[in-house]
Amino acid sequence: MNTEVVGLLCLDSTHKVIGYSTVAMGSVDRVTPSVAQILRTALLSNASYIVVAHNHPSGVCEITEPDIALTKRIGGAAQLMDISLIDSLVVCPSGEFASIRESMGRD
């Protein structure tokens, strides 16, 4: 894929997957997902937990400051809706991925 895409995995209270949605599409080097759209999708799925993932088409599987800032915004907003953000992942074309949760020291 040549553009950045944000996906949302929704899970129920037993961590069973109950849905997946593409919530934003961007350009070759950035995507600006709406936190409101992410939470709307999670709420409509009756999710208790969510995992957010986006790709880096460049192949550089490094977490950026904007990735961390967005993850914090999503996590904070989700918490207000009684939804837990399990992790936010950066996925690269090679199949390699990076966990933003791990990079923030929250194992």
PDB file of N, CA and C in Angstrom:
ATOM      1  N   MET A   1       0.851  -1.178   0.000  1.00  0.00           N
ATOM      2  CA  MET A   1       0.000   0.000   0.000  1.00  0.00           C
ATOM      3  C   MET A   1       0.897   1.243   0.000  1.00  0.00           C
ATOM      4  N   ASN A   2       0.576   2.201  -0.823  1.00  0.00           N
ATOM      5  CA  ASN A   2       1.394   3.402  -0.973  1.00  0.00           C
ATOM      6  C   ASN A   2       0.900   4.588  -0.160  1.00  0.00           C
ATOM      7  N   THR A   3      -0.165   4.405   0.603  1.00  0.00           N
ATOM      8  CA  THR A   3      -0.670   5.486   1.437  1.00  0.00           C
ATOM      9  C   THR A   3      -0.797   4.991   2.873  1.00  0.00           C
ATOM     10  N   GLU A   4      -0.726   5.930   3.806  1.00  0.00           N
ATOM     11  CA  GLU A   4      -0.919   5.565   5.208  1.00  0.00           C
ATOM     12  C   GLU A   4      -2.402   5.335   5.468  1.00  0.00           C
ATOM     13  N   VAL A   5      -2.673   4.283   6.213  1.00  0.00           N
ATOM     14  CA  VAL A   5      -4.041   3.890   6.552  1.00  0.00           C
ATOM     15  C   VAL A   5      -4.078   3.592   8.041  1.00  0.00           C
ATOM     16  N   VAL A   6      -5.173   3.990   8.691  1.00  0.00           N
ATOM     17  CA  VAL A   6      -5.368   3.683  10.106  1.00  0.00           C
ATOM     18  C   VAL A   6      -6.491   2.667  10.219  1.00  0.00           C
ATOM     19  N   GLY A   7      -6.198   1.576  10.930  1.00  0.00           N
ATOM     20  CA  GLY A   7      -7.199   0.548  11.165  1.00  0.00           C
ATOM     21  C   GLY A   7      -7.515   0.437  12.642  1.00  0.00           C
ATOM     22  N   LEU A   8      -8.712  -0.022  12.934  1.00  0.00           N
ATOM     23  CA  LEU A   8      -9.167  -0.162  14.312  1.00  0.00           C
ATOM     24  C   LEU A   8      -9.702  -1.568  14.517  1.00  0.00           C
ATOM     25  N   LEU A   9      -9.116  -2.270  15.475  1.00  0.00           N
ATOM     26  CA  LEU A   9      -9.563  -3.598  15.865  1.00  0.00           C
ATOM     27  C   LEU A   9     -10.375  -3.436  17.145  1.00  0.00           C
ATOM     28  N   CYS A  10     -11.610  -3.927  17.136  1.00  0.00           N
ATOM     29  CA  CYS A  10     -12.493  -3.806  18.295  1.00  0.00           C
ATOM     30  C   CYS A  10     -12.638  -5.173  18.959  1.00  0.00           C
ATOM     31  N   LEU A  11     -12.561  -5.176  20.283  1.00  0.00           N
ATOM     32  CA  LEU A  11     -12.660  -6.416  21.055  1.00  0.00           C
ATOM     33  C   LEU A  11     -13.721  -6.265  22.141  1.00  0.00           C
ATOM     34  N   ASP A  12     -14.331  -7.404  22.495  1.00  0.00           N
ATOM     35  CA  ASP A  12     -15.308  -7.366  23.577  1.00  0.00           C
ATOM     36  C   ASP A  12     -14.615  -7.523  24.923  1.00  0.00           C
ATOM     37  N   SER A  13     -15.387  -7.687  25.982  1.00  0.00           N
ATOM     38  CA  SER A  13     -14.815  -7.738  27.325  1.00  0.00           C
ATOM     39  C   SER A  13     -13.979  -8.991  27.585  1.00  0.00           C
ATOM     40  N   THR A  14     -14.092 -10.004  26.706  1.00  0.00           N
ATOM     41  CA  THR A  14     -13.275 -11.217  26.846  1.00  0.00           C
ATOM     42  C   THR A  14     -12.105 -11.217  25.873  1.00  0.00           C
ATOM     43  N   HIS A  15     -11.870 -10.082  25.231  1.00  0.00           N
ATOM     44  CA  HIS A  15     -10.805  -9.891  24.237  1.00  0.00           C
ATOM     45  C   HIS A  15     -11.079 -10.628  22.930  1.00  0.00           C
ATOM     46  N   LYS A  16     -12.319 -10.993  22.682  1.00  0.00           N
ATOM     47  CA  LYS A  16     -12.709 -11.602  21.409  1.00  0.00           C
ATOM     48  C   LYS A  16     -12.872 -10.483  20.381  1.00  0.00           C
ATOM     49  N   VAL A  17     -12.309 -10.695  19.193  1.00  0.00           N
ATOM     50  CA  VAL A  17     -12.428  -9.696  18.129  1.00  0.00           C
ATOM     51  C   VAL A  17     -13.877  -9.622  17.668  1.00  0.00           C
ATOM     52  N   ILE A  18     -14.429  -8.407  17.695  1.00  0.00           N
ATOM     53  CA  ILE A  18     -15.816  -8.219  17.257  1.00  0.00           C
ATOM     54  C   ILE A  18     -15.917  -7.314  16.039  1.00  0.00           C
ATOM     55  N   GLY A  19     -14.778  -6.782  15.582  1.00  0.00           N
ATOM     56  CA  GLY A  19     -14.830  -5.966  14.381  1.00  0.00           C
ATOM     57  C   GLY A  19     -13.495  -5.352  14.021  1.00  0.00           C
ATOM     58  N   TYR A  20     -13.372  -5.033  12.742  1.00  0.00           N
ATOM     59  CA  TYR A  20     -12.215  -4.307  12.226  1.00  0.00           C
ATOM     60  C   TYR A  20     -12.742  -3.276  11.242  1.00  0.00           C
ATOM     61  N   SER A  21     -12.198  -2.076  11.314  1.00  0.00           N
ATOM     62  CA  SER A  21     -12.580  -1.024  10.377  1.00  0.00           C
ATOM     63  C   SER A  21     -11.367  -0.204   9.979  1.00  0.00           C
ATOM     64  N   THR A  22     -11.328   0.204   8.725  1.00  0.00           N
ATOM     65  CA  THR A  22     -10.385   1.225   8.290  1.00  0.00           C
ATOM     66  C   THR A  22     -11.030   2.548   8.656  1.00  0.00           C
ATOM     67  N   VAL A  23     -10.358   3.340   9.483  1.00  0.00           N
ATOM     68  CA  VAL A  23     -10.976   4.578   9.979  1.00  0.00           C
ATOM     69  C   VAL A  23     -10.395   5.850   9.361  1.00  0.00           C
ATOM     70  N   ALA A  24      -9.279   5.732   8.637  1.00  0.00           N
ATOM     71  CA  ALA A  24      -8.710   6.917   7.981  1.00  0.00           C
ATOM     72  C   ALA A  24      -7.710   6.489   6.913  1.00  0.00           C
ATOM     73  N   MET A  25      -7.666   7.268   5.843  1.00  0.00           N
ATOM     74  CA  MET A  25      -6.681   7.072   4.783  1.00  0.00           C
ATOM     75  C   MET A  25      -6.004   8.413   4.545  1.00  0.00           C
ATOM     76  N   GLY A  26      -4.699   8.362   4.305  1.00  0.00           N
ATOM     77  CA  GLY A  26      -3.966   9.610   4.145  1.00  0.00           C
ATOM     78  C   GLY A  26      -3.139   9.640   2.884  1.00  0.00           C
ATOM     79  N   SER A  27      -1.975  10.249   2.986  1.00  0.00           N
ATOM     80  CA  SER A  27      -1.069  10.375   1.850  1.00  0.00           C
ATOM     81  C   SER A  27       0.079   9.394   2.010  1.00  0.00           C
ATOM     82  N   VAL A  28       1.095   9.556   1.211  1.00  0.00           N
ATOM     83  CA  VAL A  28       2.223   8.636   1.242  1.00  0.00           C
ATOM     84  C   VAL A  28       3.011   8.709   2.549  1.00  0.00           C
ATOM     85  N   ASP A  29       2.937   9.840   3.253  1.00  0.00           N
ATOM     86  CA  ASP A  29       3.741   9.963   4.464  1.00  0.00           C
ATOM     87  C   ASP A  29       3.003  10.488   5.689  1.00  0.00           C
ATOM     88  N   ARG A  30       1.677  10.540   5.634  1.00  0.00           N
ATOM     89  CA  ARG A  30       0.941  10.967   6.826  1.00  0.00           C
ATOM     90  C   ARG A  30      -0.542  10.647   6.687  1.00  0.00           C
ATOM     91  N   VAL A  31      -1.141  10.505   7.849  1.00  0.00           N
ATOM     92  CA  VAL A  31      -2.586  10.321   7.935  1.00  0.00           C
ATOM     93  C   VAL A  31      -3.032  11.011   9.212  1.00  0.00           C
ATOM     94  N   THR A  32      -4.171  11.650   9.149  1.00  0.00           N
ATOM     95  CA  THR A  32      -4.681  12.362  10.310  1.00  0.00           C
ATOM     96  C   THR A  32      -6.055  11.805  10.664  1.00  0.00           C
ATOM     97  N   PRO A  33      -6.060  10.753  11.476  1.00  0.00           N
ATOM     98  CA  PRO A  33      -7.342  10.164  11.842  1.00  0.00           C
ATOM     99  C   PRO A  33      -8.090  11.037  12.841  1.00  0.00           C
ATOM    100  N   SER A  34      -9.382  10.969  12.802  1.00  0.00           N
ATOM    101  CA  SER A  34     -10.226  11.674  13.752  1.00  0.00           C
ATOM    102  C   SER A  34     -10.407  10.794  14.987  1.00  0.00           C
ATOM    103  N   VAL A  35     -10.032  11.310  16.143  1.00  0.00           N
ATOM    104  CA  VAL A  35     -10.228  10.572  17.383  1.00  0.00           C
ATOM    105  C   VAL A  35     -11.722  10.299  17.572  1.00  0.00           C
ATOM    106  N   ALA A  36     -12.549  11.264  17.207  1.00  0.00           N
ATOM    107  CA  ALA A  36     -13.998  11.083  17.316  1.00  0.00           C
ATOM    108  C   ALA A  36     -14.470   9.919  16.447  1.00  0.00           C
ATOM    109  N   GLN A  37     -13.941   9.798  15.225  1.00  0.00           N
ATOM    110  CA  GLN A  37     -14.334   8.698  14.339  1.00  0.00           C
ATOM    111  C   GLN A  37     -13.888   7.361  14.908  1.00  0.00           C
ATOM    112  N   ILE A  38     -12.701   7.319  15.468  1.00  0.00           N
ATOM    113  CA  ILE A  38     -12.207   6.079  16.081  1.00  0.00           C
ATOM    114  C   ILE A  38     -13.135   5.655  17.217  1.00  0.00           C
ATOM    115  N   LEU A  39     -13.483   6.592  18.090  1.00  0.00           N
ATOM    116  CA  LEU A  39     -14.350   6.254  19.223  1.00  0.00           C
ATOM    117  C   LEU A  39     -15.771   5.945  18.777  1.00  0.00           C
ATOM    118  N   ARG A  40     -16.254   6.641  17.777  1.00  0.00           N
ATOM    119  CA  ARG A  40     -17.589   6.355  17.237  1.00  0.00           C
ATOM    120  C   ARG A  40     -17.646   4.914  16.741  1.00  0.00           C
ATOM    121  N   THR A  41     -16.622   4.511  16.011  1.00  0.00           N
ATOM    122  CA  THR A  41     -16.555   3.152  15.487  1.00  0.00           C
ATOM    123  C   THR A  41     -16.501   2.136  16.629  1.00  0.00           C
ATOM    124  N   ALA A  42     -15.697   2.418  17.639  1.00  0.00           N
ATOM    125  CA  ALA A  42     -15.587   1.520  18.791  1.00  0.00           C
ATOM    126  C   ALA A  42     -16.919   1.412  19.537  1.00  0.00           C
ATOM    127  N   LEU A  43     -17.580   2.539  19.735  1.00  0.00           N
ATOM    128  CA  LEU A  43     -18.862   2.530  20.443  1.00  0.00           C
ATOM    129  C   LEU A  43     -19.934   1.781  19.665  1.00  0.00           C
ATOM    130  N   LEU A  44     -19.968   1.985  18.348  1.00  0.00           N
ATOM    131  CA  LEU A  44     -20.961   1.281  17.524  1.00  0.00           C
ATOM    132  C   LEU A  44     -20.724  -0.233  17.511  1.00  0.00           C
ATOM    133  N   SER A  45     -19.485  -0.642  17.762  1.00  0.00           N
ATOM    134  CA  SER A  45     -19.156  -2.064  17.826  1.00  0.00           C
ATOM    135  C   SER A  45     -19.343  -2.627  19.229  1.00  0.00           C
ATOM    136  N   ASN A  46     -19.704  -1.763  20.184  1.00  0.00           N
ATOM    137  CA  ASN A  46     -19.805  -2.158  21.595  1.00  0.00           C
ATOM    138  C   ASN A  46     -18.478  -2.703  22.112  1.00  0.00           C
ATOM    139  N   ALA A  47     -17.393  -2.091  21.696  1.00  0.00           N
ATOM    140  CA  ALA A  47     -16.057  -2.541  22.083  1.00  0.00           C
ATOM    141  C   ALA A  47     -15.751  -2.177  23.533  1.00  0.00           C
ATOM    142  N   SER A  48     -15.095  -3.097  24.215  1.00  0.00           N
ATOM    143  CA  SER A  48     -14.556  -2.831  25.547  1.00  0.00           C
ATOM    144  C   SER A  48     -13.087  -2.469  25.448  1.00  0.00           C
ATOM    145  N   TYR A  49     -12.437  -3.002  24.397  1.00  0.00           N
ATOM    146  CA  TYR A  49     -11.016  -2.784  24.152  1.00  0.00           C
ATOM    147  C   TYR A  49     -10.801  -2.470  22.676  1.00  0.00           C
ATOM    148  N   ILE A  50      -9.760  -1.700  22.389  1.00  0.00           N
ATOM    149  CA  ILE A  50      -9.412  -1.414  21.001  1.00  0.00           C
ATOM    150  C   ILE A  50      -7.896  -1.505  20.801  1.00  0.00           C
ATOM    151  N   VAL A  51      -7.539  -1.801  19.561  1.00  0.00           N
ATOM    152  CA  VAL A  51      -6.148  -1.748  19.113  1.00  0.00           C
ATOM    153  C   VAL A  51      -6.153  -0.908  17.848  1.00  0.00           C
ATOM    154  N   VAL A  52      -5.305   0.104  17.807  1.00  0.00           N
ATOM    155  CA  VAL A  52      -5.189   0.970  16.635  1.00  0.00           C
ATOM    156  C   VAL A  52      -3.889   0.605  15.925  1.00  0.00           C
ATOM    157  N   ALA A  53      -3.921   0.590  14.607  1.00  0.00           N
ATOM    158  CA  ALA A  53      -2.709   0.311  13.842  1.00  0.00           C
ATOM    159  C   ALA A  53      -2.674   1.209  12.611  1.00  0.00           C
ATOM    160  N   HIS A  54      -1.467   1.621  12.247  1.00  0.00           N
ATOM    161  CA  HIS A  54      -1.306   2.339  10.980  1.00  0.00           C
ATOM    162  C   HIS A  54       0.010   1.905  10.349  1.00  0.00           C
ATOM    163  N   ASN A  55       0.075   2.060   9.066  1.00  0.00           N
ATOM    164  CA  ASN A  55       1.259   1.619   8.324  1.00  0.00           C
ATOM    165  C   ASN A  55       2.191   2.779   8.026  1.00  0.00           C
ATOM    166  N   HIS A  56       3.446   2.441   7.796  1.00  0.00           N
ATOM    167  CA  HIS A  56       4.454   3.383   7.314  1.00  0.00           C
ATOM    168  C   HIS A  56       4.916   2.866   5.951  1.00  0.00           C
ATOM    169  N   PRO A  57       4.319   3.365   4.862  1.00  0.00           N
ATOM    170  CA  PRO A  57       4.674   2.873   3.524  1.00  0.00           C
ATOM    171  C   PRO A  57       6.150   3.029   3.185  1.00  0.00           C
ATOM    172  N   SER A  58       6.837   3.941   3.847  1.00  0.00           N
ATOM    173  CA  SER A  58       8.257   4.176   3.570  1.00  0.00           C
ATOM    174  C   SER A  58       9.110   2.966   3.928  1.00  0.00           C
ATOM    175  N   GLY A  59       8.580   2.104   4.772  1.00  0.00           N
ATOM    176  CA  GLY A  59       9.339   0.948   5.222  1.00  0.00           C
ATOM    177  C   GLY A  59      10.127   1.203   6.490  1.00  0.00           C
ATOM    178  N   VAL A  60      10.135   2.450   6.954  1.00  0.00           N
ATOM    179  CA  VAL A  60      10.847   2.783   8.187  1.00  0.00           C
ATOM    180  C   VAL A  60       9.900   2.513   9.357  1.00  0.00           C
ATOM    181  N   CYS A  61      10.215   1.494  10.114  1.00  0.00           N
ATOM    182  CA  CYS A  61       9.328   1.054  11.194  1.00  0.00           C
ATOM    183  C   CYS A  61       9.734   1.679  12.516  1.00  0.00           C
ATOM    184  N   GLU A  62       9.732   3.001  12.538  1.00  0.00           N
ATOM    185  CA  GLU A  62      10.075   3.740  13.740  1.00  0.00           C
ATOM    186  C   GLU A  62       8.884   4.559  14.199  1.00  0.00           C
ATOM    187  N   ILE A  63       8.725   4.616  15.490  1.00  0.00           N
ATOM    188  CA  ILE A  63       7.633   5.379  16.083  1.00  0.00           C
ATOM    189  C   ILE A  63       8.039   6.849  16.142  1.00  0.00           C
ATOM    190  N   THR A  64       7.133   7.715  15.713  1.00  0.00           N
ATOM    191  CA  THR A  64       7.411   9.152  15.695  1.00  0.00           C
ATOM    192  C   THR A  64       6.709   9.852  16.856  1.00  0.00           C
ATOM    193  N   GLU A  65       7.125  11.064  17.132  1.00  0.00           N
ATOM    194  CA  GLU A  65       6.456  11.854  18.177  1.00  0.00           C
ATOM    195  C   GLU A  65       4.966  12.046  17.866  1.00  0.00           C
ATOM    196  N   PRO A  66       4.586  12.350  16.599  1.00  0.00           N
ATOM    197  CA  PRO A  66       3.156  12.458  16.311  1.00  0.00           C
ATOM    198  C   PRO A  66       2.405  11.139  16.574  1.00  0.00           C
ATOM    199  N   ASP A  67       3.054   9.987  16.336  1.00  0.00           N
ATOM    200  CA  ASP A  67       2.426   8.692  16.628  1.00  0.00           C
ATOM    201  C   ASP A  67       2.130   8.588  18.125  1.00  0.00           C
ATOM    202  N   ILE A  68       3.087   8.978  18.947  1.00  0.00           N
ATOM    203  CA  ILE A  68       2.923   8.902  20.398  1.00  0.00           C
ATOM    204  C   ILE A  68       1.847   9.880  20.868  1.00  0.00           C
ATOM    205  N   ALA A  69       1.869  11.095  20.347  1.00  0.00           N
ATOM    206  CA  ALA A  69       0.886  12.105  20.744  1.00  0.00           C
ATOM    207  C   ALA A  69      -0.527  11.649  20.399  1.00  0.00           C
ATOM    208  N   LEU A  70      -0.706  11.093  19.202  1.00  0.00           N
ATOM    209  CA  LEU A  70      -2.029  10.619  18.802  1.00  0.00           C
ATOM    210  C   LEU A  70      -2.472   9.464  19.682  1.00  0.00           C
ATOM    211  N   THR A  71      -1.572   8.561  19.989  1.00  0.00           N
ATOM    212  CA  THR A  71      -1.901   7.424  20.848  1.00  0.00           C
ATOM    213  C   THR A  71      -2.371   7.912  22.216  1.00  0.00           C
ATOM    214  N   LYS A  72      -1.715   8.898  22.766  1.00  0.00           N
ATOM    215  CA  LYS A  72      -2.115   9.448  24.061  1.00  0.00           C
ATOM    216  C   LYS A  72      -3.502  10.077  23.981  1.00  0.00           C
ATOM    217  N   ARG A  73      -3.790  10.782  22.896  1.00  0.00           N
ATOM    218  CA  ARG A  73      -5.117  11.400  22.715  1.00  0.00           C
ATOM    219  C   ARG A  73      -6.200  10.332  22.607  1.00  0.00           C
ATOM    220  N   ILE A  74      -5.932   9.304  21.809  1.00  0.00           N
ATOM    221  CA  ILE A  74      -6.918   8.226  21.641  1.00  0.00           C
ATOM    222  C   ILE A  74      -7.145   7.512  22.974  1.00  0.00           C
ATOM    223  N   GLY A  75      -6.052   7.180  23.665  1.00  0.00           N
ATOM    224  CA  GLY A  75      -6.174   6.476  24.942  1.00  0.00           C
ATOM    225  C   GLY A  75      -6.951   7.269  25.978  1.00  0.00           C
ATOM    226  N   GLY A  76      -6.672   8.554  26.065  1.00  0.00           N
ATOM    227  CA  GLY A  76      -7.375   9.407  27.025  1.00  0.00           C
ATOM    228  C   GLY A  76      -8.853   9.529  26.709  1.00  0.00           C
ATOM    229  N   ALA A  77      -9.169   9.730  25.451  1.00  0.00           N
ATOM    230  CA  ALA A  77     -10.570   9.853  25.045  1.00  0.00           C
ATOM    231  C   ALA A  77     -11.308   8.532  25.214  1.00  0.00           C
ATOM    232  N   ALA A  78     -10.655   7.428  24.882  1.00  0.00           N
ATOM    233  CA  ALA A  78     -11.281   6.111  25.022  1.00  0.00           C
ATOM    234  C   ALA A  78     -11.599   5.821  26.482  1.00  0.00           C
ATOM    235  N   GLN A  79     -10.672   6.182  27.352  1.00  0.00           N
ATOM    236  CA  GLN A  79     -10.863   5.945  28.784  1.00  0.00           C
ATOM    237  C   GLN A  79     -12.119   6.652  29.287  1.00  0.00           C
ATOM    238  N   LEU A  80     -12.403   7.836  28.770  1.00  0.00           N
ATOM    239  CA  LEU A  80     -13.609   8.567  29.160  1.00  0.00           C
ATOM    240  C   LEU A  80     -14.880   7.826  28.753  1.00  0.00           C
ATOM    241  N   MET A  81     -14.767   6.959  27.744  1.00  0.00           N
ATOM    242  CA  MET A  81     -15.906   6.181  27.247  1.00  0.00           C
ATOM    243  C   MET A  81     -15.893   4.747  27.789  1.00  0.00           C
ATOM    244  N   ASP A  82     -15.066   4.497  28.807  1.00  0.00           N
ATOM    245  CA  ASP A  82     -14.916   3.160  29.395  1.00  0.00           C
ATOM    246  C   ASP A  82     -14.452   2.125  28.382  1.00  0.00           C
ATOM    247  N   ILE A  83     -13.572   2.553  27.483  1.00  0.00           N
ATOM    248  CA  ILE A  83     -12.942   1.668  26.504  1.00  0.00           C
ATOM    249  C   ILE A  83     -11.446   1.730  26.764  1.00  0.00           C
ATOM    250  N   SER A  84     -10.793   0.564  26.756  1.00  0.00           N
ATOM    251  CA  SER A  84      -9.352   0.523  26.995  1.00  0.00           C
ATOM    252  C   SER A  84      -8.598   0.367  25.689  1.00  0.00           C
ATOM    253  N   LEU A  85      -7.608   1.230  25.497  1.00  0.00           N
ATOM    254  CA  LEU A  85      -6.716   1.119  24.347  1.00  0.00           C
ATOM    255  C   LEU A  85      -5.620   0.129  24.720  1.00  0.00           C
ATOM    256  N   ILE A  86      -5.615  -1.035  24.087  1.00  0.00           N
ATOM    257  CA  ILE A  86      -4.614  -2.060  24.382  1.00  0.00           C
ATOM    258  C   ILE A  86      -3.259  -1.641  23.837  1.00  0.00           C
ATOM    259  N   ASP A  87      -3.228  -1.180  22.592  1.00  0.00           N
ATOM    260  CA  ASP A  87      -1.965  -0.781  21.981  1.00  0.00           C
ATOM    261  C   ASP A  87      -2.253  -0.008  20.706  1.00  0.00           C
ATOM    262  N   SER A  88      -1.228   0.648  20.241  1.00  0.00           N
ATOM    263  CA  SER A  88      -1.231   1.305  18.943  1.00  0.00           C
ATOM    264  C   SER A  88       0.028   0.818  18.240  1.00  0.00           C
ATOM    265  N   LEU A  89      -0.120   0.326  17.027  1.00  0.00           N
ATOM    266  CA  LEU A  89       0.976  -0.311  16.314  1.00  0.00           C
ATOM    267  C   LEU A  89       1.341   0.442  15.048  1.00  0.00           C
ATOM    268  N   VAL A  90       2.617   0.428  14.724  1.00  0.00           N
ATOM    269  CA  VAL A  90       3.109   0.912  13.440  1.00  0.00           C
ATOM    270  C   VAL A  90       3.520  -0.335  12.665  1.00  0.00           C
ATOM    271  N   VAL A  91       2.962  -0.496  11.472  1.00  0.00           N
ATOM    272  CA  VAL A  91       3.218  -1.684  10.655  1.00  0.00           C
ATOM    273  C   VAL A  91       3.921  -1.264   9.371  1.00  0.00           C
ATOM    274  N   CYS A  92       4.942  -2.034   8.978  1.00  0.00           N
ATOM    275  CA  CYS A  92       5.705  -1.718   7.775  1.00  0.00           C
ATOM    276  C   CYS A  92       5.511  -2.779   6.705  1.00  0.00           C
ATOM    277  N   PRO A  93       5.801  -2.442   5.443  1.00  0.00           N
ATOM    278  CA  PRO A  93       5.588  -3.378   4.342  1.00  0.00           C
ATOM    279  C   PRO A  93       6.299  -4.726   4.521  1.00  0.00           C
ATOM    280  N   SER A  94       7.400  -4.735   5.246  1.00  0.00           N
ATOM    281  CA  SER A  94       8.162  -5.974   5.462  1.00  0.00           C
ATOM    282  C   SER A  94       7.452  -6.928   6.412  1.00  0.00           C
ATOM    283  N   GLY A  95       6.393  -6.446   7.081  1.00  0.00           N
ATOM    284  CA  GLY A  95       5.711  -7.237   8.088  1.00  0.00           C
ATOM    285  C   GLY A  95       6.196  -6.918   9.493  1.00  0.00           C
ATOM    286  N   GLU A  96       7.285  -6.151   9.572  1.00  0.00           N
ATOM    287  CA  GLU A  96       7.796  -5.707  10.864  1.00  0.00           C
ATOM    288  C   GLU A  96       6.785  -4.737  11.475  1.00  0.00           C
ATOM    289  N   PHE A  97       6.718  -4.711  12.806  1.00  0.00           N
ATOM    290  CA  PHE A  97       5.843  -3.739  13.458  1.00  0.00           C
ATOM    291  C   PHE A  97       6.480  -3.251  14.745  1.00  0.00           C
ATOM    292  N   ALA A  98       5.990  -2.118  15.223  1.00  0.00           N
ATOM    293  CA  ALA A  98       6.473  -1.536  16.470  1.00  0.00           C
ATOM    294  C   ALA A  98       5.272  -1.197  17.340  1.00  0.00           C
ATOM    295  N   SER A  99       5.392  -1.491  18.620  1.00  0.00           N
ATOM    296  CA  SER A  99       4.350  -1.219  19.600  1.00  0.00           C
ATOM    297  C   SER A  99       4.604   0.136  20.254  1.00  0.00           C
ATOM    298  N   ILE A 100       3.644   1.028  20.138  1.00  0.00           N
ATOM    299  CA  ILE A 100       3.787   2.330  20.779  1.00  0.00           C
ATOM    300  C   ILE A 100       3.674   2.162  22.291  1.00  0.00           C
ATOM    301  N   ARG A 101       2.843   1.254  22.740  1.00  0.00           N
ATOM    302  CA  ARG A 101       2.726   0.985  24.183  1.00  0.00           C
ATOM    303  C   ARG A 101       4.083   0.578  24.757  1.00  0.00           C
ATOM    304  N   GLU A 102       4.761  -0.350  24.076  1.00  0.00           N
ATOM    305  CA  GLU A 102       6.080  -0.780  24.530  1.00  0.00           C
ATOM    306  C   GLU A 102       7.068   0.377  24.561  1.00  0.00           C
ATOM    307  N   SER A 103       7.026   1.211  23.525  1.00  0.00           N
ATOM    308  CA  SER A 103       7.982   2.322  23.445  1.00  0.00           C
ATOM    309  C   SER A 103       7.754   3.349  24.540  1.00  0.00           C
ATOM    310  N   MET A 104       6.536   3.393  25.068  1.00  0.00           N
ATOM    311  CA  MET A 104       6.214   4.323  26.143  1.00  0.00           C
ATOM    312  C   MET A 104       6.467   3.689  27.514  1.00  0.00           C
ATOM    313  N   GLY A 105       6.962   2.446  27.521  1.00  0.00           N
ATOM    314  CA  GLY A 105       7.283   1.786  28.776  1.00  0.00           C
ATOM    315  C   GLY A 105       6.101   1.200  29.502  1.00  0.00           C
ATOM    316  N   ARG A 106       5.055   0.839  28.743  1.00  0.00           N
ATOM    317  CA  ARG A 106       3.854   0.246  29.364  1.00  0.00           C
ATOM    318  C   ARG A 106       3.654  -1.156  28.821  1.00  0.00           C
ATOM    319  N   ASP A 107       4.336  -2.103  29.381  1.00  0.00           N
ATOM    320  CA  ASP A 107       4.233  -3.495  28.922  1.00  0.00           C
ATOM    321  C   ASP A 107       3.015  -4.185  29.478  1.00  0.00           C
TER     322      ASP A 107
END
